[in-house]
PDB file of all heavy atoms in Angstrom:
ATOM      1  N   ARG A   1       2.747  -7.784  -6.189  1.00  0.00           N
ATOM      2  CA  ARG A   1       2.195  -6.662  -6.946  1.00  0.00           C
ATOM      3  C   ARG A   1       0.671  -6.714  -6.940  1.00  0.00           C
ATOM      4  O   ARG A   1      -0.001  -5.679  -6.741  1.00  0.00           O
ATOM      5  CB  ARG A   1       2.710  -6.711  -8.386  1.00  0.00           C
ATOM      6  CG  ARG A   1       2.324  -5.465  -9.221  1.00  0.00           C
ATOM      7  CD  ARG A   1       2.878  -5.573 -10.614  1.00  0.00           C
ATOM      8  NE  ARG A   1       2.312  -6.732 -11.300  1.00  0.00           N
ATOM      9  CZ  ARG A   1       2.778  -7.209 -12.471  1.00  0.00           C
ATOM     10  NH1 ARG A   1       3.806  -6.616 -13.050  1.00  0.00           N
ATOM     11  NH2 ARG A   1       2.224  -8.254 -13.025  1.00  0.00           N
ATOM     12  N   ASP A   2       0.099  -7.916  -7.103  1.00  0.00           N
ATOM     13  CA  ASP A   2      -1.366  -8.050  -7.049  1.00  0.00           C
ATOM     14  C   ASP A   2      -1.918  -7.736  -5.666  1.00  0.00           C
ATOM     15  O   ASP A   2      -2.961  -7.101  -5.534  1.00  0.00           O
ATOM     16  CB  ASP A   2      -1.774  -9.457  -7.479  1.00  0.00           C
ATOM     17  CG  ASP A   2      -1.620  -9.680  -8.980  1.00  0.00           C
ATOM     18  OD1 ASP A   2      -1.296  -8.708  -9.704  1.00  0.00           O
ATOM     19  OD2 ASP A   2      -1.816 -10.827  -9.433  1.00  0.00           O
ATOM     20  N   LEU A   3      -1.198  -8.178  -4.632  1.00  0.00           N
ATOM     21  CA  LEU A   3      -1.624  -7.933  -3.261  1.00  0.00           C
ATOM     22  C   LEU A   3      -1.703  -6.435  -2.964  1.00  0.00           C
ATOM     23  O   LEU A   3      -2.499  -6.003  -2.125  1.00  0.00           O
ATOM     24  CB  LEU A   3      -0.655  -8.612  -2.288  1.00  0.00           C
ATOM     25  CG  LEU A   3      -0.919  -8.468  -0.794  1.00  0.00           C
ATOM     26  CD1 LEU A   3      -2.285  -9.015  -0.400  1.00  0.00           C
ATOM     27  CD2 LEU A   3       0.164  -9.196   0.014  1.00  0.00           C
ATOM     28  N   LEU A   4      -0.880  -5.659  -3.651  1.00  0.00           N
ATOM     29  CA  LEU A   4      -0.799  -4.221  -3.403  1.00  0.00           C
ATOM     30  C   LEU A   4      -1.572  -3.402  -4.420  1.00  0.00           C
ATOM     31  O   LEU A   4      -1.422  -2.169  -4.472  1.00  0.00           O
ATOM     32  CB  LEU A   4       0.658  -3.784  -3.359  1.00  0.00           C
ATOM     33  CG  LEU A   4       1.468  -4.348  -2.177  1.00  0.00           C
ATOM     34  CD1 LEU A   4       2.969  -4.175  -2.415  1.00  0.00           C
ATOM     35  CD2 LEU A   4       1.059  -3.700  -0.893  1.00  0.00           C
ATOM     36  N   SER A   5      -2.389  -4.069  -5.241  1.00  0.00           N
ATOM     37  CA  SER A   5      -3.090  -3.389  -6.323  1.00  0.00           C
ATOM     38  C   SER A   5      -4.597  -3.422  -6.143  1.00  0.00           C
ATOM     39  O   SER A   5      -5.205  -4.493  -6.282  1.00  0.00           O
ATOM     40  CB  SER A   5      -2.732  -4.023  -7.671  1.00  0.00           C
ATOM     41  OG  SER A   5      -1.340  -3.955  -7.935  1.00  0.00           O
ATOM     42  N   PRO A   6      -5.222  -2.278  -5.837  1.00  0.00           N
ATOM     43  CA  PRO A   6      -6.681  -2.239  -5.792  1.00  0.00           C
ATOM     44  C   PRO A   6      -7.260  -2.721  -7.106  1.00  0.00           C
ATOM     45  O   PRO A   6      -6.768  -2.373  -8.188  1.00  0.00           O
ATOM     46  CB  PRO A   6      -6.978  -0.745  -5.551  1.00  0.00           C
ATOM     47  CG  PRO A   6      -5.762  -0.227  -4.879  1.00  0.00           C
ATOM     48  CD  PRO A   6      -4.608  -0.986  -5.481  1.00  0.00           C
ATOM     49  N   GLY A   7      -8.309  -3.532  -7.019  1.00  0.00           N
ATOM     50  CA  GLY A   7      -8.907  -4.097  -8.228  1.00  0.00           C
ATOM     51  C   GLY A   7      -8.403  -5.490  -8.539  1.00  0.00           C
ATOM     52  O   GLY A   7      -9.052  -6.226  -9.278  1.00  0.00           O
ATOM     53  N   LYS A   8      -7.267  -5.869  -7.939  1.00  0.00           N
ATOM     54  CA  LYS A   8      -6.740  -7.215  -8.186  1.00  0.00           C
ATOM     55  C   LYS A   8      -6.833  -8.115  -6.956  1.00  0.00           C
ATOM     56  O   LYS A   8      -6.793  -9.325  -7.076  1.00  0.00           O
ATOM     57  CB  LYS A   8      -5.273  -7.129  -8.655  1.00  0.00           C
ATOM     58  CG  LYS A   8      -5.139  -6.539 -10.038  1.00  0.00           C
ATOM     59  CD  LYS A   8      -3.746  -6.774 -10.612  1.00  0.00           C
ATOM     60  CE  LYS A   8      -3.658  -6.325 -12.054  1.00  0.00           C
ATOM     61  NZ  LYS A   8      -2.327  -6.602 -12.655  1.00  0.00           N
ATOM     62  N   HIS A   9      -6.956  -7.531  -5.781  1.00  0.00           N
ATOM     63  CA  HIS A   9      -7.043  -8.302  -4.572  1.00  0.00           C
ATOM     64  C   HIS A   9      -8.334  -7.923  -3.828  1.00  0.00           C
ATOM     65  O   HIS A   9      -8.661  -6.723  -3.705  1.00  0.00           O
ATOM     66  CB  HIS A   9      -5.838  -8.054  -3.660  1.00  0.00           C
ATOM     67  CG  HIS A   9      -5.699  -9.050  -2.559  1.00  0.00           C
ATOM     68  ND1 HIS A   9      -6.473  -8.978  -1.419  1.00  0.00           N
ATOM     69  CD2 HIS A   9      -4.907 -10.148  -2.416  1.00  0.00           C
ATOM     70  CE1 HIS A   9      -6.149  -9.982  -0.605  1.00  0.00           C
ATOM     71  NE2 HIS A   9      -5.219 -10.695  -1.195  1.00  0.00           N
ATOM     72  N   PRO A  10      -9.073  -8.922  -3.308  1.00  0.00           N
ATOM     73  CA  PRO A  10     -10.367  -8.633  -2.673  1.00  0.00           C
ATOM     74  C   PRO A  10     -10.292  -7.818  -1.387  1.00  0.00           C
ATOM     75  O   PRO A  10     -11.324  -7.332  -0.913  1.00  0.00           O
ATOM     76  CB  PRO A  10     -10.958 -10.033  -2.413  1.00  0.00           C
ATOM     77  CG  PRO A  10      -9.808 -10.978  -2.487  1.00  0.00           C
ATOM     78  CD  PRO A  10      -8.825 -10.369  -3.433  1.00  0.00           C
ATOM     79  N   PHE A  11      -9.108  -7.666  -0.800  1.00  0.00           N
ATOM     80  CA  PHE A  11      -8.983  -6.832   0.406  1.00  0.00           C
ATOM     81  C   PHE A  11      -9.488  -5.423   0.161  1.00  0.00           C
ATOM     82  O   PHE A  11     -10.067  -4.784   1.037  1.00  0.00           O
ATOM     83  CB  PHE A  11      -7.505  -6.807   0.838  1.00  0.00           C
ATOM     84  CG  PHE A  11      -7.241  -5.988   2.083  1.00  0.00           C
ATOM     85  CD1 PHE A  11      -7.537  -6.504   3.337  1.00  0.00           C
ATOM     86  CD2 PHE A  11      -6.690  -4.714   1.998  1.00  0.00           C
ATOM     87  CE1 PHE A  11      -7.287  -5.743   4.498  1.00  0.00           C
ATOM     88  CE2 PHE A  11      -6.443  -3.975   3.141  1.00  0.00           C
ATOM     89  CZ  PHE A  11      -6.747  -4.493   4.391  1.00  0.00           C
ATOM     90  N   TYR A  12      -9.309  -4.943  -1.077  1.00  0.00           N
ATOM     91  CA  TYR A  12      -9.658  -3.561  -1.388  1.00  0.00           C
ATOM     92  C   TYR A  12     -11.150  -3.379  -1.648  1.00  0.00           C
ATOM     93  O   TYR A  12     -11.605  -2.252  -1.873  1.00  0.00           O
ATOM     94  CB  TYR A  12      -8.848  -3.075  -2.602  1.00  0.00           C
ATOM     95  CG  TYR A  12      -7.366  -3.169  -2.344  1.00  0.00           C
ATOM     96  CD1 TYR A  12      -6.639  -4.297  -2.716  1.00  0.00           C
ATOM     97  CD2 TYR A  12      -6.693  -2.142  -1.681  1.00  0.00           C
ATOM     98  CE1 TYR A  12      -5.278  -4.389  -2.451  1.00  0.00           C
ATOM     99  CE2 TYR A  12      -5.345  -2.233  -1.410  1.00  0.00           C
ATOM    100  CZ  TYR A  12      -4.628  -3.359  -1.787  1.00  0.00           C
ATOM    101  OH  TYR A  12      -3.299  -3.462  -1.513  1.00  0.00           O
ATOM    102  N   GLU A  13     -11.911  -4.456  -1.591  1.00  0.00           N
ATOM    103  CA  GLU A  13     -13.359  -4.339  -1.708  1.00  0.00           C
ATOM    104  C   GLU A  13     -13.946  -3.699  -0.451  1.00  0.00           C
ATOM    105  O   GLU A  13     -15.056  -3.185  -0.482  1.00  0.00           O
ATOM    106  CB  GLU A  13     -13.983  -5.721  -1.944  1.00  0.00           C
ATOM    107  CG  GLU A  13     -13.629  -6.305  -3.310  1.00  0.00           C
ATOM    108  CD  GLU A  13     -14.150  -7.727  -3.483  1.00  0.00           C
ATOM    109  OE1 GLU A  13     -14.842  -8.214  -2.546  1.00  0.00           O
ATOM    110  OE2 GLU A  13     -13.842  -8.357  -4.505  1.00  0.00           O
ATOM    111  N   HIS A  14     -13.196  -3.768   0.658  1.00  0.00           N
ATOM    112  CA  HIS A  14     -13.687  -3.183   1.909  1.00  0.00           C
ATOM    113  C   HIS A  14     -12.707  -2.261   2.600  1.00  0.00           C
ATOM    114  O   HIS A  14     -13.052  -1.609   3.570  1.00  0.00           O
ATOM    115  CB  HIS A  14     -14.112  -4.305   2.886  1.00  0.00           C
ATOM    116  CG  HIS A  14     -13.010  -5.302   3.203  1.00  0.00           C
ATOM    117  ND1 HIS A  14     -11.974  -5.008   4.056  1.00  0.00           N
ATOM    118  CD2 HIS A  14     -12.791  -6.564   2.784  1.00  0.00           C
ATOM    119  CE1 HIS A  14     -11.171  -6.050   4.154  1.00  0.00           C
ATOM    120  NE2 HIS A  14     -11.650  -7.008   3.390  1.00  0.00           N
ATOM    121  N   SER A  15     -11.463  -2.185   2.124  1.00  0.00           N
ATOM    122  CA  SER A  15     -10.450  -1.419   2.845  1.00  0.00           C
ATOM    123  C   SER A  15      -9.575  -0.609   1.918  1.00  0.00           C
ATOM    124  O   SER A  15      -9.628  -0.769   0.695  1.00  0.00           O
ATOM    125  CB  SER A  15      -9.590  -2.384   3.694  1.00  0.00           C
ATOM    126  OG  SER A  15     -10.389  -3.004   4.683  1.00  0.00           O
ATOM    127  N   LYS A  16      -8.741   0.246   2.494  1.00  0.00           N
ATOM    128  CA  LYS A  16      -7.861   1.124   1.734  1.00  0.00           C
ATOM    129  C   LYS A  16      -6.407   0.998   2.192  1.00  0.00           C
ATOM    130  O   LYS A  16      -6.142   0.742   3.361  1.00  0.00           O
ATOM    131  CB  LYS A  16      -8.284   2.601   1.946  1.00  0.00           C
ATOM    132  CG  LYS A  16      -9.617   2.989   1.344  1.00  0.00           C
ATOM    133  CD  LYS A  16      -9.998   4.406   1.733  1.00  0.00           C
ATOM    134  CE  LYS A  16      -9.043   5.454   1.170  1.00  0.00           C
ATOM    135  NZ  LYS A  16      -9.487   6.830   1.526  1.00  0.00           N
ATOM    136  N   VAL A  17      -5.500   1.198   1.268  1.00  0.00           N
ATOM    137  CA  VAL A  17      -4.061   1.163   1.553  1.00  0.00           C
ATOM    138  C   VAL A  17      -3.403   2.302   0.804  1.00  0.00           C
ATOM    139  O   VAL A  17      -3.679   2.544  -0.369  1.00  0.00           O
ATOM    140  CB  VAL A  17      -3.441  -0.184   1.113  1.00  0.00           C
ATOM    141  CG1 VAL A  17      -1.917  -0.147   1.306  1.00  0.00           C
ATOM    142  CG2 VAL A  17      -4.029  -1.356   1.872  1.00  0.00           C
ATOM    143  N   GLN A  18      -2.490   3.002   1.490  1.00  0.00           N
ATOM    144  CA  GLN A  18      -1.648   3.981   0.826  1.00  0.00           C
ATOM    145  C   GLN A  18      -0.186   3.612   1.042  1.00  0.00           C
ATOM    146  O   GLN A  18       0.252   3.421   2.187  1.00  0.00           O
ATOM    147  CB  GLN A  18      -1.906   5.401   1.362  1.00  0.00           C
ATOM    148  CG  GLN A  18      -1.008   6.471   0.743  1.00  0.00           C
ATOM    149  CD  GLN A  18      -1.190   6.576  -0.768  1.00  0.00           C
ATOM    150  OE1 GLN A  18      -2.264   6.847  -1.254  1.00  0.00           O
ATOM    151  NE2 GLN A  18      -0.110   6.352  -1.519  1.00  0.00           N
ATOM    152  N   LEU A  19       0.541   3.476  -0.047  1.00  0.00           N
ATOM    153  CA  LEU A  19       1.950   3.106   0.017  1.00  0.00           C
ATOM    154  C   LEU A  19       2.823   4.356  -0.050  1.00  0.00           C
ATOM    155  O   LEU A  19       2.476   5.341  -0.698  1.00  0.00           O
ATOM    156  CB  LEU A  19       2.316   2.196  -1.161  1.00  0.00           C
ATOM    157  CG  LEU A  19       1.402   0.977  -1.380  1.00  0.00           C
ATOM    158  CD1 LEU A  19       1.873   0.197  -2.620  1.00  0.00           C
ATOM    159  CD2 LEU A  19       1.380   0.095  -0.160  1.00  0.00           C
ATOM    160  N   PHE A  20       3.968   4.288   0.651  1.00  0.00           N
ATOM    161  CA  PHE A  20       4.930   5.394   0.653  1.00  0.00           C
ATOM    162  C   PHE A  20       6.334   4.867   0.418  1.00  0.00           C
ATOM    163  O   PHE A  20       6.694   3.778   0.888  1.00  0.00           O
ATOM    164  CB  PHE A  20       4.907   6.133   1.996  1.00  0.00           C
ATOM    165  CG  PHE A  20       3.618   6.816   2.295  1.00  0.00           C
ATOM    166  CD1 PHE A  20       2.640   6.190   3.055  1.00  0.00           C
ATOM    167  CD2 PHE A  20       3.360   8.123   1.848  1.00  0.00           C
ATOM    168  CE1 PHE A  20       1.423   6.810   3.352  1.00  0.00           C
ATOM    169  CE2 PHE A  20       2.166   8.748   2.162  1.00  0.00           C
ATOM    170  CZ  PHE A  20       1.192   8.091   2.895  1.00  0.00           C
ATOM    171  N   LEU A  21       7.137   5.651  -0.296  1.00  0.00           N
ATOM    172  CA  LEU A  21       8.549   5.353  -0.506  1.00  0.00           C
ATOM    173  C   LEU A  21       9.400   6.513   0.014  1.00  0.00           C
ATOM    174  O   LEU A  21       9.023   7.681  -0.167  1.00  0.00           O
ATOM    175  CB  LEU A  21       8.852   5.154  -1.999  1.00  0.00           C
ATOM    176  CG  LEU A  21       8.452   3.835  -2.631  1.00  0.00           C
ATOM    177  CD1 LEU A  21       8.590   3.886  -4.149  1.00  0.00           C
ATOM    178  CD2 LEU A  21       9.274   2.681  -2.053  1.00  0.00           C
ATOM    179  N   ALA A  22      10.508   6.162   0.639  1.00  0.00           N
ATOM    180  CA  ALA A  22      11.477   7.173   1.091  1.00  0.00           C
ATOM    181  C   ALA A  22      12.613   7.249   0.087  1.00  0.00           C
ATOM    182  O   ALA A  22      13.116   6.213  -0.378  1.00  0.00           O
ATOM    183  CB  ALA A  22      12.008   6.831   2.470  1.00  0.00           C
ATOM    184  N   PHE A  23      13.002   8.477  -0.265  1.00  0.00           N
ATOM    185  CA  PHE A  23      14.087   8.685  -1.228  1.00  0.00           C
ATOM    186  C   PHE A  23      15.197   9.529  -0.591  1.00  0.00           C
ATOM    187  O   PHE A  23      14.915  10.494   0.132  1.00  0.00           O
ATOM    188  CB  PHE A  23      13.565   9.434  -2.464  1.00  0.00           C
ATOM    189  CG  PHE A  23      12.590   8.664  -3.304  1.00  0.00           C
ATOM    190  CD1 PHE A  23      11.229   8.682  -2.998  1.00  0.00           C
ATOM    191  CD2 PHE A  23      13.018   7.905  -4.386  1.00  0.00           C
ATOM    192  CE1 PHE A  23      10.319   7.987  -3.768  1.00  0.00           C
ATOM    193  CE2 PHE A  23      12.113   7.210  -5.171  1.00  0.00           C
ATOM    194  CZ  PHE A  23      10.759   7.253  -4.865  1.00  0.00           C
ATOM    195  N   ALA A  24      16.420   9.167  -0.896  1.00  0.00           N
ATOM    196  CA  ALA A  24      17.586  10.020  -0.612  1.00  0.00           C
ATOM    197  C   ALA A  24      18.165  10.333  -1.988  1.00  0.00           C
ATOM    198  O   ALA A  24      18.896   9.517  -2.556  1.00  0.00           O
ATOM    199  CB  ALA A  24      18.602   9.316   0.273  1.00  0.00           C
ATOM    200  N   GLY A  25      17.797  11.455  -2.537  1.00  0.00           N
ATOM    201  CA  GLY A  25      18.119  11.703  -3.941  1.00  0.00           C
ATOM    202  C   GLY A  25      17.284  10.794  -4.813  1.00  0.00           C
ATOM    203  O   GLY A  25      16.069  10.698  -4.669  1.00  0.00           O
ATOM    204  N   ASP A  26      17.954  10.052  -5.695  1.00  0.00           N
ATOM    205  CA  ASP A  26      17.252   9.103  -6.547  1.00  0.00           C
ATOM    206  C   ASP A  26      17.175   7.705  -5.938  1.00  0.00           C
ATOM    207  O   ASP A  26      16.548   6.803  -6.478  1.00  0.00           O
ATOM    208  CB  ASP A  26      17.935   9.007  -7.927  1.00  0.00           C
ATOM    209  CG  ASP A  26      17.827  10.317  -8.709  1.00  0.00           C
ATOM    210  OD1 ASP A  26      16.814  11.021  -8.484  1.00  0.00           O
ATOM    211  OD2 ASP A  26      18.718  10.608  -9.514  1.00  0.00           O
ATOM    212  N   ARG A  27      17.853   7.518  -4.800  1.00  0.00           N
ATOM    213  CA  ARG A  27      17.937   6.191  -4.192  1.00  0.00           C
ATOM    214  C   ARG A  27      16.805   5.969  -3.201  1.00  0.00           C
ATOM    215  O   ARG A  27      16.533   6.795  -2.339  1.00  0.00           O
ATOM    216  CB  ARG A  27      19.297   6.055  -3.474  1.00  0.00           C
ATOM    217  CG  ARG A  27      19.544   4.671  -2.857  1.00  0.00           C
ATOM    218  CD  ARG A  27      20.981   4.574  -2.365  1.00  0.00           C
ATOM    219  NE  ARG A  27      21.211   5.419  -1.223  1.00  0.00           N
ATOM    220  CZ  ARG A  27      21.178   5.031   0.057  1.00  0.00           C
ATOM    221  NH1 ARG A  27      20.889   3.766   0.342  1.00  0.00           N
ATOM    222  NH2 ARG A  27      21.428   5.882   1.035  1.00  0.00           N
ATOM    223  N   ILE A  28      16.142   4.822  -3.321  1.00  0.00           N
ATOM    224  CA  ILE A  28      15.090   4.462  -2.376  1.00  0.00           C
ATOM    225  C   ILE A  28      15.724   3.938  -1.096  1.00  0.00           C
ATOM    226  O   ILE A  28      16.612   3.086  -1.128  1.00  0.00           O
ATOM    227  CB  ILE A  28      14.131   3.396  -2.956  1.00  0.00           C
ATOM    228  CG1 ILE A  28      13.396   3.956  -4.167  1.00  0.00           C
ATOM    229  CG2 ILE A  28      13.133   2.912  -1.917  1.00  0.00           C
ATOM    230  CD1 ILE A  28      12.552   2.942  -4.907  1.00  0.00           C
ATOM    231  N   THR A  29      15.262   4.463   0.044  1.00  0.00           N
ATOM    232  CA  THR A  29      15.864   4.058   1.324  1.00  0.00           C
ATOM    233  C   THR A  29      14.841   3.433   2.296  1.00  0.00           C
ATOM    234  O   THR A  29      15.222   3.011   3.388  1.00  0.00           O
ATOM    235  CB  THR A  29      16.500   5.277   2.006  1.00  0.00           C
ATOM    236  OG1 THR A  29      15.519   6.322   2.112  1.00  0.00           O
ATOM    237  CG2 THR A  29      17.695   5.797   1.177  1.00  0.00           C
ATOM    238  N   GLY A  30      13.583   3.379   1.905  1.00  0.00           N
ATOM    239  CA  GLY A  30      12.606   2.771   2.781  1.00  0.00           C
ATOM    240  C   GLY A  30      11.235   2.727   2.138  1.00  0.00           C
ATOM    241  O   GLY A  30      10.958   3.379   1.110  1.00  0.00           O
ATOM    242  N   ARG A  31      10.346   1.954   2.767  1.00  0.00           N
ATOM    243  CA  ARG A  31       8.956   1.852   2.283  1.00  0.00           C
ATOM    244  C   ARG A  31       8.035   1.550   3.479  1.00  0.00           C
ATOM    245  O   ARG A  31       8.495   1.013   4.496  1.00  0.00           O
ATOM    246  CB  ARG A  31       8.815   0.751   1.234  1.00  0.00           C
ATOM    247  CG  ARG A  31       8.979  -0.643   1.783  1.00  0.00           C
ATOM    248  CD  ARG A  31       8.686  -1.723   0.754  1.00  0.00           C
ATOM    249  NE  ARG A  31       8.537  -3.032   1.405  1.00  0.00           N
ATOM    250  CZ  ARG A  31       8.101  -4.143   0.805  1.00  0.00           C
ATOM    251  NH1 ARG A  31       7.784  -4.100  -0.483  1.00  0.00           N
ATOM    252  NH2 ARG A  31       7.987  -5.274   1.487  1.00  0.00           N
ATOM    253  N   ILE A  32       6.773   1.870   3.332  1.00  0.00           N
ATOM    254  CA  ILE A  32       5.773   1.557   4.339  1.00  0.00           C
ATOM    255  C   ILE A  32       4.385   1.638   3.702  1.00  0.00           C
ATOM    256  O   ILE A  32       4.193   2.354   2.713  1.00  0.00           O
ATOM    257  CB  ILE A  32       5.862   2.515   5.552  1.00  0.00           C
ATOM    258  CG1 ILE A  32       5.169   1.916   6.773  1.00  0.00           C
ATOM    259  CG2 ILE A  32       5.266   3.882   5.213  1.00  0.00           C
ATOM    260  CD1 ILE A  32       5.460   2.686   8.067  1.00  0.00           C
ATOM    261  N   ALA A  33       3.441   0.890   4.259  1.00  0.00           N
ATOM    262  CA  ALA A  33       2.052   0.971   3.847  1.00  0.00           C
ATOM    263  C   ALA A  33       1.226   1.422   5.035  1.00  0.00           C
ATOM    264  O   ALA A  33       1.382   0.924   6.148  1.00  0.00           O
ATOM    265  CB  ALA A  33       1.572  -0.395   3.350  1.00  0.00           C
ATOM    266  N   ALA A  34       0.328   2.382   4.795  1.00  0.00           N
ATOM    267  CA  ALA A  34      -0.686   2.786   5.764  1.00  0.00           C
ATOM    268  C   ALA A  34      -1.984   2.109   5.357  1.00  0.00           C
ATOM    269  O   ALA A  34      -2.402   2.173   4.211  1.00  0.00           O
ATOM    270  CB  ALA A  34      -0.840   4.302   5.772  1.00  0.00           C
ATOM    271  N   ILE A  35      -2.622   1.420   6.320  1.00  0.00           N
ATOM    272  CA  ILE A  35      -3.733   0.520   6.001  1.00  0.00           C
ATOM    273  C   ILE A  35      -4.957   0.857   6.849  1.00  0.00           C
ATOM    274  O   ILE A  35      -4.887   0.855   8.077  1.00  0.00           O
ATOM    275  CB  ILE A  35      -3.323  -0.938   6.242  1.00  0.00           C
ATOM    276  CG1 ILE A  35      -2.076  -1.287   5.417  1.00  0.00           C
ATOM    277  CG2 ILE A  35      -4.457  -1.901   5.920  1.00  0.00           C
ATOM    278  CD1 ILE A  35      -1.263  -2.419   5.991  1.00  0.00           C
ATOM    279  N   HIS A  36      -6.075   1.129   6.167  1.00  0.00           N
ATOM    280  CA  HIS A  36      -7.346   1.319   6.845  1.00  0.00           C
ATOM    281  C   HIS A  36      -8.177   0.078   6.597  1.00  0.00           C
ATOM    282  O   HIS A  36      -8.822  -0.061   5.547  1.00  0.00           O
ATOM    283  CB  HIS A  36      -8.070   2.568   6.315  1.00  0.00           C
ATOM    284  CG  HIS A  36      -9.338   2.887   7.028  1.00  0.00           C
ATOM    285  ND1 HIS A  36     -10.116   3.993   6.788  1.00  0.00           N
ATOM    286  CD2 HIS A  36     -10.004   2.223   8.048  1.00  0.00           C
ATOM    287  CE1 HIS A  36     -11.171   3.986   7.563  1.00  0.00           C
ATOM    288  NE2 HIS A  36     -11.131   2.916   8.343  1.00  0.00           N
ATOM    289  N   ASN A  37      -8.153  -0.853   7.548  1.00  0.00           N
ATOM    290  CA  ASN A  37      -8.864  -2.118   7.441  1.00  0.00           C
ATOM    291  C   ASN A  37     -10.264  -1.912   8.050  1.00  0.00           C
ATOM    292  O   ASN A  37     -10.459  -2.083   9.250  1.00  0.00           O
ATOM    293  CB  ASN A  37      -8.102  -3.224   8.187  1.00  0.00           C
ATOM    294  CG  ASN A  37      -8.716  -4.594   7.962  1.00  0.00           C
ATOM    295  OD1 ASN A  37      -9.883  -4.738   7.675  1.00  0.00           O
ATOM    296  ND2 ASN A  37      -7.894  -5.637   8.122  1.00  0.00           N
ATOM    297  N   ARG A  38     -11.199  -1.565   7.179  1.00  0.00           N
ATOM    298  CA  ARG A  38     -12.555  -1.239   7.670  1.00  0.00           C
ATOM    299  C   ARG A  38     -13.236  -2.459   8.284  1.00  0.00           C
ATOM    300  O   ARG A  38     -13.969  -2.336   9.278  1.00  0.00           O
ATOM    301  CB  ARG A  38     -13.392  -0.690   6.510  1.00  0.00           C
ATOM    302  CG  ARG A  38     -12.931   0.679   5.993  1.00  0.00           C
ATOM    303  CD  ARG A  38     -14.012   1.280   5.083  1.00  0.00           C
ATOM    304  NE  ARG A  38     -13.574   2.548   4.504  1.00  0.00           N
ATOM    305  CZ  ARG A  38     -13.043   2.674   3.300  1.00  0.00           C
ATOM    306  NH1 ARG A  38     -12.860   1.604   2.535  1.00  0.00           N
ATOM    307  NH2 ARG A  38     -12.702   3.858   2.826  1.00  0.00           N
ATOM    308  N   ASN A  39     -13.006  -3.629   7.721  1.00  0.00           N
ATOM    309  CA  ASN A  39     -13.608  -4.830   8.287  1.00  0.00           C
ATOM    310  C   ASN A  39     -13.156  -5.084   9.721  1.00  0.00           C
ATOM    311  O   ASN A  39     -13.934  -5.462  10.576  1.00  0.00           O
ATOM    312  CB  ASN A  39     -13.293  -6.062   7.409  1.00  0.00           C
ATOM    313  CG  ASN A  39     -14.301  -6.250   6.298  1.00  0.00           C
ATOM    314  OD1 ASN A  39     -15.125  -5.383   6.033  1.00  0.00           O
ATOM    315  ND2 ASN A  39     -14.237  -7.400   5.622  1.00  0.00           N
ATOM    316  N   HIS A  40     -11.860  -4.862   9.955  1.00  0.00           N
ATOM    317  CA  HIS A  40     -11.310  -5.027  11.313  1.00  0.00           C
ATOM    318  C   HIS A  40     -12.007  -4.080  12.261  1.00  0.00           C
ATOM    319  O   HIS A  40     -12.466  -4.479  13.362  1.00  0.00           O
ATOM    320  CB  HIS A  40      -9.811  -4.726  11.280  1.00  0.00           C
ATOM    321  CG  HIS A  40      -9.197  -4.528  12.635  1.00  0.00           C
ATOM    322  ND1 HIS A  40      -8.677  -5.566  13.376  1.00  0.00           N
ATOM    323  CD2 HIS A  40      -9.053  -3.410  13.390  1.00  0.00           C
ATOM    324  CE1 HIS A  40      -8.223  -5.103  14.525  1.00  0.00           C
ATOM    325  NE2 HIS A  40      -8.432  -3.797  14.566  1.00  0.00           N
TER     326      HIS A  40
END
């Protein structure tokens, strides 16, 4: 949870992450993170 939370992990001092969840009705069926690693 901390790794995925801006303000709690230093990765977000230089980069951005957007998380996505896939739903089939109310059921979660997948997840992914899109990551802009500016330092890289």
